[in-house]
């Protein structure tokens, strides 16, 4: 079987513009993906795109990490021997 450029291209997944919505951090990203969804959302440009919900993204992780840093920064130092 001879592979041509045409048959090689047909094996590649189809990319489309989608919105990933991080429910825990309340953040949305417009990007390209091979994933699709039956659910849609309207983006800031007025176009409707498939929306893919994720439970935890790097945005949620960073916001939680920053919260931990802020908490650590605001703690008072404890003198030796005291708790």
C-alpha atoms as a PDB file:
ATOM      1  CA  UNK A   1       0.000   0.000   0.000  1.00  0.00           C
ATOM      2  CA  UNK A   2       1.415   3.335  -1.060  1.00  0.00           C
ATOM      3  CA  UNK A   3       1.112   6.286   1.334  1.00  0.00           C
ATOM      4  CA  UNK A   4       0.503   9.600  -0.328  1.00  0.00           C
ATOM      5  CA  UNK A   5       0.319  13.022   1.235  1.00  0.00           C
ATOM      6  CA  UNK A   6      -3.450  12.903   0.896  1.00  0.00           C
ATOM      7  CA  UNK A   7      -3.843   9.672   2.876  1.00  0.00           C
ATOM      8  CA  UNK A   8      -1.403  10.877   5.517  1.00  0.00           C
ATOM      9  CA  UNK A   9      -3.394  14.065   6.040  1.00  0.00           C
ATOM     10  CA  UNK A  10      -6.641  12.162   6.422  1.00  0.00           C
ATOM     11  CA  UNK A  11      -5.189  10.315   9.458  1.00  0.00           C
ATOM     12  CA  UNK A  12      -4.569  13.532  11.378  1.00  0.00           C
ATOM     13  CA  UNK A  13      -7.237  14.590  13.865  1.00  0.00           C
ATOM     14  CA  UNK A  14      -9.380  17.594  13.002  1.00  0.00           C
ATOM     15  CA  UNK A  15      -8.668  20.644  15.148  1.00  0.00           C
ATOM     16  CA  UNK A  16     -11.440  23.115  15.943  1.00  0.00           C
ATOM     17  CA  UNK A  17     -11.772  26.203  18.106  1.00  0.00           C
ATOM     18  CA  UNK A  18     -13.219  25.344  21.526  1.00  0.00           C
ATOM     19  CA  UNK A  19     -13.562  26.897  24.963  1.00  0.00           C
ATOM     20  CA  UNK A  20     -12.142  25.095  27.993  1.00  0.00           C
ATOM     21  CA  UNK A  21     -13.992  26.182  31.127  1.00  0.00           C
ATOM     22  CA  UNK A  22     -12.316  25.587  34.489  1.00  0.00           C
ATOM     23  CA  UNK A  23     -15.199  25.312  36.920  1.00  0.00           C
ATOM     24  CA  UNK A  24     -13.119  25.476  40.098  1.00  0.00           C
ATOM     25  CA  UNK A  25     -11.219  28.668  39.155  1.00  0.00           C
ATOM     26  CA  UNK A  26     -14.026  30.256  37.091  1.00  0.00           C
ATOM     27  CA  UNK A  27     -11.663  30.782  34.131  1.00  0.00           C
ATOM     28  CA  UNK A  28     -12.297  30.210  30.414  1.00  0.00           C
ATOM     29  CA  UNK A  29      -9.757  29.681  27.621  1.00  0.00           C
ATOM     30  CA  UNK A  30     -10.379  29.949  23.883  1.00  0.00           C
ATOM     31  CA  UNK A  31      -8.050  27.520  22.129  1.00  0.00           C
ATOM     32  CA  UNK A  32      -7.868  24.815  19.497  1.00  0.00           C
ATOM     33  CA  UNK A  33      -8.413  21.153  20.299  1.00  0.00           C
ATOM     34  CA  UNK A  34      -9.393  17.843  18.774  1.00  0.00           C
ATOM     35  CA  UNK A  35     -12.020  17.464  21.501  1.00  0.00           C
ATOM     36  CA  UNK A  36     -15.600  18.510  20.951  1.00  0.00           C
ATOM     37  CA  UNK A  37     -18.722  18.834  23.044  1.00  0.00           C
ATOM     38  CA  UNK A  38     -22.481  18.981  22.686  1.00  0.00           C
ATOM     39  CA  UNK A  39     -22.500  21.986  25.048  1.00  0.00           C
ATOM     40  CA  UNK A  40     -21.794  25.461  23.685  1.00  0.00           C
ATOM     41  CA  UNK A  41     -20.984  28.915  25.013  1.00  0.00           C
ATOM     42  CA  UNK A  42     -20.809  32.403  23.544  1.00  0.00           C
ATOM     43  CA  UNK A  43     -17.305  33.883  23.600  1.00  0.00           C
ATOM     44  CA  UNK A  44     -16.433  37.589  23.949  1.00  0.00           C
ATOM     45  CA  UNK A  45     -16.270  37.940  20.150  1.00  0.00           C
ATOM     46  CA  UNK A  46     -19.952  36.982  19.889  1.00  0.00           C
ATOM     47  CA  UNK A  47     -19.271  33.587  18.263  1.00  0.00           C
ATOM     48  CA  UNK A  48     -20.616  30.341  19.665  1.00  0.00           C
ATOM     49  CA  UNK A  49     -18.063  27.593  20.405  1.00  0.00           C
ATOM     50  CA  UNK A  50     -18.201  24.108  21.912  1.00  0.00           C
ATOM     51  CA  UNK A  51     -17.362  24.271  25.633  1.00  0.00           C
ATOM     52  CA  UNK A  52     -15.418  21.570  27.467  1.00  0.00           C
ATOM     53  CA  UNK A  53     -15.668  21.659  31.256  1.00  0.00           C
ATOM     54  CA  UNK A  54     -12.622  20.696  33.305  1.00  0.00           C
ATOM     55  CA  UNK A  55     -12.536  20.304  37.065  1.00  0.00           C
ATOM     56  CA  UNK A  56      -9.015  21.491  37.680  1.00  0.00           C
ATOM     57  CA  UNK A  57      -6.572  23.347  35.477  1.00  0.00           C
ATOM     58  CA  UNK A  58      -3.270  25.084  36.049  1.00  0.00           C
ATOM     59  CA  UNK A  59      -5.189  28.315  36.760  1.00  0.00           C
ATOM     60  CA  UNK A  60      -6.903  26.742  39.750  1.00  0.00           C
ATOM     61  CA  UNK A  61      -3.640  25.248  40.934  1.00  0.00           C
ATOM     62  CA  UNK A  62      -1.857  28.605  40.710  1.00  0.00           C
ATOM     63  CA  UNK A  63      -4.620  30.462  42.531  1.00  0.00           C
ATOM     64  CA  UNK A  64      -4.538  27.906  45.349  1.00  0.00           C
ATOM     65  CA  UNK A  65      -0.733  28.030  45.518  1.00  0.00           C
ATOM     66  CA  UNK A  66      -0.797  31.834  45.666  1.00  0.00           C
ATOM     67  CA  UNK A  67      -3.344  31.649  48.467  1.00  0.00           C
ATOM     68  CA  UNK A  68      -1.011  29.376  50.438  1.00  0.00           C
ATOM     69  CA  UNK A  69       1.901  31.763  49.854  1.00  0.00           C
ATOM     70  CA  UNK A  70      -0.150  34.727  51.050  1.00  0.00           C
ATOM     71  CA  UNK A  71      -1.184  32.821  54.164  1.00  0.00           C
ATOM     72  CA  UNK A  72       2.439  31.908  54.906  1.00  0.00           C
ATOM     73  CA  UNK A  73       3.570  35.520  54.375  1.00  0.00           C
ATOM     74  CA  UNK A  74       1.044  36.899  56.841  1.00  0.00           C
ATOM     75  CA  UNK A  75       1.866  34.481  59.637  1.00  0.00           C
ATOM     76  CA  UNK A  76       3.761  35.913  62.535  1.00  0.00           C
ATOM     77  CA  UNK A  77       7.087  34.235  63.278  1.00  0.00           C
ATOM     78  CA  UNK A  78       6.954  32.052  66.355  1.00  0.00           C
ATOM     79  CA  UNK A  79       9.727  32.408  68.933  1.00  0.00           C
ATOM     80  CA  UNK A  80      11.808  29.323  69.634  1.00  0.00           C
ATOM     81  CA  UNK A  81      10.206  27.045  72.193  1.00  0.00           C
ATOM     82  CA  UNK A  82       6.692  28.454  71.609  1.00  0.00           C
ATOM     83  CA  UNK A  83       3.977  27.028  69.431  1.00  0.00           C
END
